[in-house]
């Protein structure tokens, strides 16, 4: 899905607004680590969080399973003049891949996993492997930040539709429509329809899909504790609001690797 969607992803996300909302919370979380801390952005997408942190002086590595996303991230780095290493690597294999690239010495001071990425893991075993992989990438006491959709609310209320996004570039126009299909086995099919037209021409349509496993608050916090993360704190968004399983849009979890 994300290879196919990588060319439109930076049109889909309003990056100036998103970074304006999210970066202060991230910087506050990272501040105790010092301005030269090493940060791993796992599932970095097109690299915009990683590049924003690099501009603040952090030493950042970005990883993503999608080679298309990593290609876009590298292009964004060239355009921004950012010093970030971007590597194709998936959850569960980050530590060995980064070690082979000589990027895991010393271990990272913080690992970020943003943008509803962990629900792409379709079994509890895959989730366990990913969280242990995060731990293997972190120094003792290192900081972890996870951002996910609040699937407690999604599943309880069957919240199928998300707010459409639109983008204008000269005479070109894009509209992005996202919705879920709830599957019998408890998984979700995540759909993105892209509508695109030039000027007043006909709309072209494209659909991409992927499966998600909705991660509820209790499961994710339990899995993090089992993987050795301590001091877990739950927030309802990337501005640090309190988490409410009924009304929060996001589930944002912070914690530290055990010493």
C-alpha atoms as a PDB file:
ATOM      1  CA  UNK A   1       0.000   0.000   0.000  1.00  0.00           C
ATOM      2  CA  UNK A   2       2.586   2.553   1.068  1.00  0.00           C
ATOM      3  CA  UNK A   3       4.855   2.078  -1.936  1.00  0.00           C
ATOM      4  CA  UNK A   4       1.812   2.876  -4.084  1.00  0.00           C
ATOM      5  CA  UNK A   5       0.809   5.831  -1.897  1.00  0.00           C
ATOM      6  CA  UNK A   6       4.285   7.305  -1.310  1.00  0.00           C
ATOM      7  CA  UNK A   7       4.109   9.822  -4.171  1.00  0.00           C
ATOM      8  CA  UNK A   8       0.915  11.364  -2.727  1.00  0.00           C
ATOM      9  CA  UNK A   9       1.646  11.033   0.996  1.00  0.00           C
ATOM     10  CA  UNK A  10       3.086  14.534   1.418  1.00  0.00           C
ATOM     11  CA  UNK A  11       0.000  15.932  -0.304  1.00  0.00           C
ATOM     12  CA  UNK A  12      -2.239  13.912   1.983  1.00  0.00           C
ATOM     13  CA  UNK A  13      -0.600  15.180   5.204  1.00  0.00           C
ATOM     14  CA  UNK A  14      -0.682  18.897   6.037  1.00  0.00           C
ATOM     15  CA  UNK A  15       2.860  18.859   7.388  1.00  0.00           C
ATOM     16  CA  UNK A  16       3.146  22.489   8.546  1.00  0.00           C
ATOM     17  CA  UNK A  17       0.000  22.103  10.650  1.00  0.00           C
ATOM     18  CA  UNK A  18       0.859  18.617  11.906  1.00  0.00           C
ATOM     19  CA  UNK A  19       4.365  19.579  12.985  1.00  0.00           C
ATOM     20  CA  UNK A  20       3.051  22.754  14.596  1.00  0.00           C
ATOM     21  CA  UNK A  21       0.723  20.608  16.713  1.00  0.00           C
ATOM     22  CA  UNK A  22       3.028  17.664  17.453  1.00  0.00           C
ATOM     23  CA  UNK A  23       6.603  18.924  17.581  1.00  0.00           C
ATOM     24  CA  UNK A  24       6.336  20.826  20.913  1.00  0.00           C
ATOM     25  CA  UNK A  25       5.208  17.639  22.702  1.00  0.00           C
ATOM     26  CA  UNK A  26       8.006  15.595  21.116  1.00  0.00           C
ATOM     27  CA  UNK A  27      10.642  18.202  21.943  1.00  0.00           C
ATOM     28  CA  UNK A  28       9.444  18.437  25.545  1.00  0.00           C
ATOM     29  CA  UNK A  29       9.715  14.654  25.842  1.00  0.00           C
ATOM     30  CA  UNK A  30      13.226  14.604  24.349  1.00  0.00           C
ATOM     31  CA  UNK A  31      14.581  17.665  26.180  1.00  0.00           C
ATOM     32  CA  UNK A  32      15.876  15.760  29.248  1.00  0.00           C
ATOM     33  CA  UNK A  33      17.988  13.602  26.902  1.00  0.00           C
ATOM     34  CA  UNK A  34      20.058  16.566  25.745  1.00  0.00           C
ATOM     35  CA  UNK A  35      20.214  18.351  22.398  1.00  0.00           C
ATOM     36  CA  UNK A  36      22.641  15.872  20.821  1.00  0.00           C
ATOM     37  CA  UNK A  37      20.570  12.778  21.662  1.00  0.00           C
ATOM     38  CA  UNK A  38      20.284   9.979  19.098  1.00  0.00           C
ATOM     39  CA  UNK A  39      16.705   9.361  17.938  1.00  0.00           C
ATOM     40  CA  UNK A  40      15.284   6.500  15.882  1.00  0.00           C
ATOM     41  CA  UNK A  41      12.083   7.293  13.971  1.00  0.00           C
ATOM     42  CA  UNK A  42      10.649   3.825  13.270  1.00  0.00           C
ATOM     43  CA  UNK A  43       8.081   3.736  10.444  1.00  0.00           C
ATOM     44  CA  UNK A  44       9.231   7.223   9.473  1.00  0.00           C
ATOM     45  CA  UNK A  45       7.194   7.486   6.268  1.00  0.00           C
ATOM     46  CA  UNK A  46       8.466  10.363   4.161  1.00  0.00           C
ATOM     47  CA  UNK A  47      10.740  11.506   6.974  1.00  0.00           C
ATOM     48  CA  UNK A  48       9.190  14.802   7.976  1.00  0.00           C
ATOM     49  CA  UNK A  49       9.289  14.241  11.761  1.00  0.00           C
ATOM     50  CA  UNK A  50      12.877  12.998  11.479  1.00  0.00           C
ATOM     51  CA  UNK A  51      13.944  16.033   9.474  1.00  0.00           C
ATOM     52  CA  UNK A  52      12.211  18.433  11.868  1.00  0.00           C
ATOM     53  CA  UNK A  53      14.074  16.862  14.791  1.00  0.00           C
ATOM     54  CA  UNK A  54      17.376  16.986  12.914  1.00  0.00           C
ATOM     55  CA  UNK A  55      16.826  20.709  12.428  1.00  0.00           C
ATOM     56  CA  UNK A  56      16.618  20.957  16.223  1.00  0.00           C
ATOM     57  CA  UNK A  57      20.058  19.362  16.549  1.00  0.00           C
ATOM     58  CA  UNK A  58      19.095  15.754  17.238  1.00  0.00           C
ATOM     59  CA  UNK A  59      20.985  12.954  15.513  1.00  0.00           C
ATOM     60  CA  UNK A  60      18.224  11.039  13.761  1.00  0.00           C
ATOM     61  CA  UNK A  61      17.870   7.795  11.830  1.00  0.00           C
ATOM     62  CA  UNK A  62      14.611   6.962  10.048  1.00  0.00           C
ATOM     63  CA  UNK A  63      13.432   3.479   9.086  1.00  0.00           C
ATOM     64  CA  UNK A  64      10.439   2.236   7.127  1.00  0.00           C
ATOM     65  CA  UNK A  65       9.411  -1.044   5.508  1.00  0.00           C
ATOM     66  CA  UNK A  66       8.278   0.818   2.368  1.00  0.00           C
ATOM     67  CA  UNK A  67      11.128   1.484  -0.054  1.00  0.00           C
ATOM     68  CA  UNK A  68       8.879   4.055  -1.751  1.00  0.00           C
ATOM     69  CA  UNK A  69       8.511   5.999   1.485  1.00  0.00           C
ATOM     70  CA  UNK A  70      12.259   5.861   2.136  1.00  0.00           C
ATOM     71  CA  UNK A  71      12.929   7.123  -1.392  1.00  0.00           C
ATOM     72  CA  UNK A  72      10.617  10.079  -0.736  1.00  0.00           C
ATOM     73  CA  UNK A  73      12.264  10.670   2.683  1.00  0.00           C
ATOM     74  CA  UNK A  74      15.704  10.827   1.086  1.00  0.00           C
ATOM     75  CA  UNK A  75      14.415  13.287  -1.521  1.00  0.00           C
ATOM     76  CA  UNK A  76      12.870  15.409   1.253  1.00  0.00           C
ATOM     77  CA  UNK A  77      16.206  15.369   3.092  1.00  0.00           C
ATOM     78  CA  UNK A  78      18.035  16.651   0.001  1.00  0.00           C
ATOM     79  CA  UNK A  79      15.458  19.417  -0.429  1.00  0.00           C
ATOM     80  CA  UNK A  80      15.608  20.407   3.250  1.00  0.00           C
ATOM     81  CA  UNK A  81      19.373  20.004   3.605  1.00  0.00           C
ATOM     82  CA  UNK A  82      18.757  17.678   6.552  1.00  0.00           C
ATOM     83  CA  UNK A  83      21.355  15.255   7.890  1.00  0.00           C
ATOM     84  CA  UNK A  84      19.268  12.119   8.466  1.00  0.00           C
ATOM     85  CA  UNK A  85      20.085   8.521   7.561  1.00  0.00           C
ATOM     86  CA  UNK A  86      17.069   6.718   6.059  1.00  0.00           C
ATOM     87  CA  UNK A  87      17.083   2.907   5.922  1.00  0.00           C
ATOM     88  CA  UNK A  88      14.596   0.312   4.642  1.00  0.00           C
ATOM     89  CA  UNK A  89      13.840  -1.923   7.654  1.00  0.00           C
ATOM     90  CA  UNK A  90      10.731  -3.419   9.214  1.00  0.00           C
ATOM     91  CA  UNK A  91       9.522  -3.909  12.769  1.00  0.00           C
ATOM     92  CA  UNK A  92      11.207  -6.862  14.415  1.00  0.00           C
ATOM     93  CA  UNK A  93      14.359  -6.473  12.321  1.00  0.00           C
ATOM     94  CA  UNK A  94      15.433  -2.904  13.117  1.00  0.00           C
ATOM     95  CA  UNK A  95      18.303  -3.751  15.471  1.00  0.00           C
ATOM     96  CA  UNK A  96      20.092  -6.248  13.182  1.00  0.00           C
ATOM     97  CA  UNK A  97      19.620  -4.081  10.081  1.00  0.00           C
ATOM     98  CA  UNK A  98      20.853  -0.923  11.813  1.00  0.00           C
ATOM     99  CA  UNK A  99      23.756  -2.827  13.332  1.00  0.00           C
ATOM    100  CA  UNK A 100      24.760  -4.019   9.867  1.00  0.00           C
ATOM    101  CA  UNK A 101      24.628  -0.384   8.682  1.00  0.00           C
ATOM    102  CA  UNK A 102      26.817   0.686  11.651  1.00  0.00           C
ATOM    103  CA  UNK A 103      23.957   2.877  12.902  1.00  0.00           C
ATOM    104  CA  UNK A 104      23.339   1.155  16.260  1.00  0.00           C
ATOM    105  CA  UNK A 105      26.586   2.058  18.014  1.00  0.00           C
ATOM    106  CA  UNK A 106      25.912   3.526  20.499  1.00  0.00           C
ATOM    107  CA  UNK A 107      22.253   2.582  21.080  1.00  0.00           C
ATOM    108  CA  UNK A 108      19.584   5.234  20.628  1.00  0.00           C
ATOM    109  CA  UNK A 109      18.442   7.561  23.391  1.00  0.00           C
ATOM    110  CA  UNK A 110      14.864   7.556  22.065  1.00  0.00           C
ATOM    111  CA  UNK A 111      12.666   5.571  19.700  1.00  0.00           C
ATOM    112  CA  UNK A 112       9.594   7.159  18.104  1.00  0.00           C
ATOM    113  CA  UNK A 113       6.846   5.181  16.379  1.00  0.00           C
ATOM    114  CA  UNK A 114       4.266   7.662  15.077  1.00  0.00           C
ATOM    115  CA  UNK A 115       1.302   7.770  12.743  1.00  0.00           C
ATOM    116  CA  UNK A 116      -0.673   4.634  13.673  1.00  0.00           C
ATOM    117  CA  UNK A 117       2.091   2.312  12.518  1.00  0.00           C
ATOM    118  CA  UNK A 118       2.028  -0.522  15.079  1.00  0.00           C
ATOM    119  CA  UNK A 119      -1.518  -1.660  14.117  1.00  0.00           C
ATOM    120  CA  UNK A 120      -0.027  -2.935  10.840  1.00  0.00           C
ATOM    121  CA  UNK A 121       1.311  -5.849  12.897  1.00  0.00           C
ATOM    122  CA  UNK A 122      -1.361  -8.527  12.530  1.00  0.00           C
ATOM    123  CA  UNK A 123      -0.628 -10.825  15.482  1.00  0.00           C
ATOM    124  CA  UNK A 124       0.314 -10.534  19.165  1.00  0.00           C
ATOM    125  CA  UNK A 125       3.556 -12.341  18.331  1.00  0.00           C
ATOM    126  CA  UNK A 126       4.495  -9.705  15.752  1.00  0.00           C
ATOM    127  CA  UNK A 127       3.726  -6.949  18.268  1.00  0.00           C
ATOM    128  CA  UNK A 128       5.883  -8.620  20.905  1.00  0.00           C
ATOM    129  CA  UNK A 129       8.766  -8.944  18.435  1.00  0.00           C
ATOM    130  CA  UNK A 130       8.480  -5.270  17.456  1.00  0.00           C
ATOM    131  CA  UNK A 131       8.496  -4.019  21.049  1.00  0.00           C
ATOM    132  CA  UNK A 132      11.486  -6.198  21.936  1.00  0.00           C
ATOM    133  CA  UNK A 133      13.167  -4.822  18.806  1.00  0.00           C
ATOM    134  CA  UNK A 134      12.518  -1.258  20.015  1.00  0.00           C
ATOM    135  CA  UNK A 135      14.085  -2.219  23.333  1.00  0.00           C
ATOM    136  CA  UNK A 136      17.138  -3.676  21.556  1.00  0.00           C
ATOM    137  CA  UNK A 137      17.627  -0.335  19.788  1.00  0.00           C
ATOM    138  CA  UNK A 138      17.483   1.688  23.027  1.00  0.00           C
ATOM    139  CA  UNK A 139      20.044   2.314  25.732  1.00  0.00           C
ATOM    140  CA  UNK A 140      18.943   1.467  29.296  1.00  0.00           C
ATOM    141  CA  UNK A 141      16.559   4.207  30.413  1.00  0.00           C
ATOM    142  CA  UNK A 142      15.958   5.268  26.811  1.00  0.00           C
ATOM    143  CA  UNK A 143      12.687   6.998  25.911  1.00  0.00           C
ATOM    144  CA  UNK A 144       9.890   5.417  23.818  1.00  0.00           C
ATOM    145  CA  UNK A 145       7.016   7.317  22.188  1.00  0.00           C
ATOM    146  CA  UNK A 146       4.174   5.520  20.361  1.00  0.00           C
ATOM    147  CA  UNK A 147       1.277   7.214  18.583  1.00  0.00           C
ATOM    148  CA  UNK A 148      -1.718   5.125  17.524  1.00  0.00           C
ATOM    149  CA  UNK A 149      -5.377   5.628  16.730  1.00  0.00           C
ATOM    150  CA  UNK A 150      -7.658   5.244  19.764  1.00  0.00           C
ATOM    151  CA  UNK A 151      -9.054   1.888  18.709  1.00  0.00           C
ATOM    152  CA  UNK A 152     -10.975   1.546  21.969  1.00  0.00           C
ATOM    153  CA  UNK A 153     -13.325   4.211  20.579  1.00  0.00           C
ATOM    154  CA  UNK A 154     -13.135   2.986  16.976  1.00  0.00           C
ATOM    155  CA  UNK A 155     -14.187  -0.551  17.880  1.00  0.00           C
ATOM    156  CA  UNK A 156     -16.780   0.368  20.524  1.00  0.00           C
ATOM    157  CA  UNK A 157     -18.490   2.939  18.276  1.00  0.00           C
ATOM    158  CA  UNK A 158     -17.705   1.396  14.871  1.00  0.00           C
ATOM    159  CA  UNK A 159     -16.129   4.650  13.692  1.00  0.00           C
ATOM    160  CA  UNK A 160     -15.788   3.790  10.028  1.00  0.00           C
ATOM    161  CA  UNK A 161     -15.137   7.132   8.304  1.00  0.00           C
ATOM    162  CA  UNK A 162     -12.304   9.606   8.824  1.00  0.00           C
ATOM    163  CA  UNK A 163     -12.214  13.249   7.830  1.00  0.00           C
ATOM    164  CA  UNK A 164     -11.394  13.756   4.128  1.00  0.00           C
ATOM    165  CA  UNK A 165      -8.200  15.605   3.218  1.00  0.00           C
ATOM    166  CA  UNK A 166      -7.673  17.850   0.190  1.00  0.00           C
ATOM    167  CA  UNK A 167      -4.692  19.447  -1.547  1.00  0.00           C
ATOM    168  CA  UNK A 168      -4.289  22.056  -4.310  1.00  0.00           C
ATOM    169  CA  UNK A 169      -1.145  22.539  -6.393  1.00  0.00           C
ATOM    170  CA  UNK A 170      -1.578  24.977  -9.275  1.00  0.00           C
ATOM    171  CA  UNK A 171      -4.345  23.570 -11.469  1.00  0.00           C
ATOM    172  CA  UNK A 172      -4.100  20.121  -9.862  1.00  0.00           C
ATOM    173  CA  UNK A 173      -6.452  18.988  -7.113  1.00  0.00           C
ATOM    174  CA  UNK A 174      -6.429  15.926  -4.839  1.00  0.00           C
ATOM    175  CA  UNK A 175      -9.041  14.617  -2.406  1.00  0.00           C
ATOM    176  CA  UNK A 176      -8.258  11.740  -0.033  1.00  0.00           C
ATOM    177  CA  UNK A 177     -11.063   9.683   1.504  1.00  0.00           C
ATOM    178  CA  UNK A 178     -10.288   7.144   4.257  1.00  0.00           C
ATOM    179  CA  UNK A 179     -12.542   4.489   5.740  1.00  0.00           C
ATOM    180  CA  UNK A 180     -12.457   1.142   7.524  1.00  0.00           C
ATOM    181  CA  UNK A 181     -14.066  -2.181   6.708  1.00  0.00           C
ATOM    182  CA  UNK A 182     -14.554  -4.219   9.876  1.00  0.00           C
ATOM    183  CA  UNK A 183     -13.688  -7.857   9.255  1.00  0.00           C
ATOM    184  CA  UNK A 184     -15.214 -10.878  10.996  1.00  0.00           C
ATOM    185  CA  UNK A 185     -11.901 -12.068  12.489  1.00  0.00           C
ATOM    186  CA  UNK A 186     -11.353  -8.780  14.340  1.00  0.00           C
ATOM    187  CA  UNK A 187      -9.031  -7.196  11.785  1.00  0.00           C
ATOM    188  CA  UNK A 188      -9.753  -3.972   9.925  1.00  0.00           C
ATOM    189  CA  UNK A 189      -9.240  -3.223   6.243  1.00  0.00           C
ATOM    190  CA  UNK A 190      -7.964   0.350   5.938  1.00  0.00           C
ATOM    191  CA  UNK A 191      -8.913   1.985   2.619  1.00  0.00           C
ATOM    192  CA  UNK A 192      -7.688   5.222   1.022  1.00  0.00           C
ATOM    193  CA  UNK A 193      -9.410   6.514  -2.108  1.00  0.00           C
ATOM    194  CA  UNK A 194      -7.436   9.179  -3.975  1.00  0.00           C
ATOM    195  CA  UNK A 195      -9.380  11.466  -6.318  1.00  0.00           C
ATOM    196  CA  UNK A 196      -7.237  13.566  -8.658  1.00  0.00           C
ATOM    197  CA  UNK A 197      -8.010  15.958 -11.495  1.00  0.00           C
ATOM    198  CA  UNK A 198      -6.250  18.574 -13.590  1.00  0.00           C
ATOM    199  CA  UNK A 199      -8.121  21.855 -13.861  1.00  0.00           C
ATOM    200  CA  UNK A 200     -11.799  21.121 -14.508  1.00  0.00           C
ATOM    201  CA  UNK A 201     -11.080  17.750 -16.072  1.00  0.00           C
ATOM    202  CA  UNK A 202     -12.538  14.416 -15.052  1.00  0.00           C
ATOM    203  CA  UNK A 203     -11.672  12.922 -11.699  1.00  0.00           C
ATOM    204  CA  UNK A 204      -9.321   9.947 -11.724  1.00  0.00           C
ATOM    205  CA  UNK A 205      -9.819   7.510  -8.855  1.00  0.00           C
ATOM    206  CA  UNK A 206      -7.419   5.126  -7.138  1.00  0.00           C
ATOM    207  CA  UNK A 207      -7.934   2.804  -4.166  1.00  0.00           C
ATOM    208  CA  UNK A 208      -5.212   1.356  -1.936  1.00  0.00           C
ATOM    209  CA  UNK A 209      -5.856  -0.910   1.042  1.00  0.00           C
ATOM    210  CA  UNK A 210      -4.035  -2.646   3.855  1.00  0.00           C
ATOM    211  CA  UNK A 211      -5.010  -4.661   6.905  1.00  0.00           C
ATOM    212  CA  UNK A 212      -4.753  -3.424  10.476  1.00  0.00           C
ATOM    213  CA  UNK A 213      -5.147  -5.130  13.819  1.00  0.00           C
ATOM    214  CA  UNK A 214      -6.812  -2.670  16.208  1.00  0.00           C
ATOM    215  CA  UNK A 215      -4.586  -2.261  19.263  1.00  0.00           C
ATOM    216  CA  UNK A 216      -6.606  -1.509  22.379  1.00  0.00           C
ATOM    217  CA  UNK A 217      -5.143   0.430  25.286  1.00  0.00           C
ATOM    218  CA  UNK A 218      -5.030  -2.542  27.652  1.00  0.00           C
ATOM    219  CA  UNK A 219      -3.267  -4.819  25.158  1.00  0.00           C
ATOM    220  CA  UNK A 220      -0.654  -2.262  24.127  1.00  0.00           C
ATOM    221  CA  UNK A 221       0.211  -1.166  27.661  1.00  0.00           C
ATOM    222  CA  UNK A 222       0.383  -4.796  28.767  1.00  0.00           C
ATOM    223  CA  UNK A 223       2.653  -5.721  25.863  1.00  0.00           C
ATOM    224  CA  UNK A 224       4.935  -2.760  26.611  1.00  0.00           C
ATOM    225  CA  UNK A 225       5.221  -3.743  30.262  1.00  0.00           C
ATOM    226  CA  UNK A 226       5.951  -7.337  29.246  1.00  0.00           C
ATOM    227  CA  UNK A 227       8.728  -6.049  26.942  1.00  0.00           C
ATOM    228  CA  UNK A 228      10.333  -4.268  29.898  1.00  0.00           C
ATOM    229  CA  UNK A 229       9.135  -0.686  29.439  1.00  0.00           C
ATOM    230  CA  UNK A 230       8.443   1.250  32.628  1.00  0.00           C
ATOM    231  CA  UNK A 231       6.791   4.507  33.673  1.00  0.00           C
ATOM    232  CA  UNK A 232       4.100   4.175  31.016  1.00  0.00           C
ATOM    233  CA  UNK A 233       1.924   7.260  30.547  1.00  0.00           C
ATOM    234  CA  UNK A 234      -1.129   7.491  28.277  1.00  0.00           C
ATOM    235  CA  UNK A 235      -2.195  10.629  26.392  1.00  0.00           C
ATOM    236  CA  UNK A 236      -5.135  11.316  24.098  1.00  0.00           C
ATOM    237  CA  UNK A 237      -3.228  13.290  21.469  1.00  0.00           C
ATOM    238  CA  UNK A 238       0.196  14.621  20.550  1.00  0.00           C
ATOM    239  CA  UNK A 239      -0.439  17.783  22.560  1.00  0.00           C
ATOM    240  CA  UNK A 240      -0.324  15.762  25.786  1.00  0.00           C
ATOM    241  CA  UNK A 241      -4.046  15.731  26.655  1.00  0.00           C
ATOM    242  CA  UNK A 242      -5.284  13.058  29.059  1.00  0.00           C
ATOM    243  CA  UNK A 243      -6.367   9.800  27.426  1.00  0.00           C
ATOM    244  CA  UNK A 244     -10.100   9.071  27.372  1.00  0.00           C
ATOM    245  CA  UNK A 245     -11.022   5.708  25.807  1.00  0.00           C
ATOM    246  CA  UNK A 246     -14.394   7.084  24.681  1.00  0.00           C
ATOM    247  CA  UNK A 247     -13.503  10.499  23.248  1.00  0.00           C
ATOM    248  CA  UNK A 248      -9.760  10.674  22.505  1.00  0.00           C
ATOM    249  CA  UNK A 249      -8.749  10.577  18.857  1.00  0.00           C
ATOM    250  CA  UNK A 250      -5.329   9.078  19.551  1.00  0.00           C
ATOM    251  CA  UNK A 251      -3.621   6.785  22.000  1.00  0.00           C
ATOM    252  CA  UNK A 252      -0.159   8.198  22.715  1.00  0.00           C
ATOM    253  CA  UNK A 253       2.064   6.175  25.038  1.00  0.00           C
ATOM    254  CA  UNK A 254       5.394   7.147  26.555  1.00  0.00           C
ATOM    255  CA  UNK A 255       7.714   5.022  28.665  1.00  0.00           C
ATOM    256  CA  UNK A 256      11.342   4.130  29.290  1.00  0.00           C
ATOM    257  CA  UNK A 257      13.389   1.013  28.747  1.00  0.00           C
ATOM    258  CA  UNK A 258      14.257  -0.658  32.045  1.00  0.00           C
ATOM    259  CA  UNK A 259      17.730  -0.026  33.457  1.00  0.00           C
END
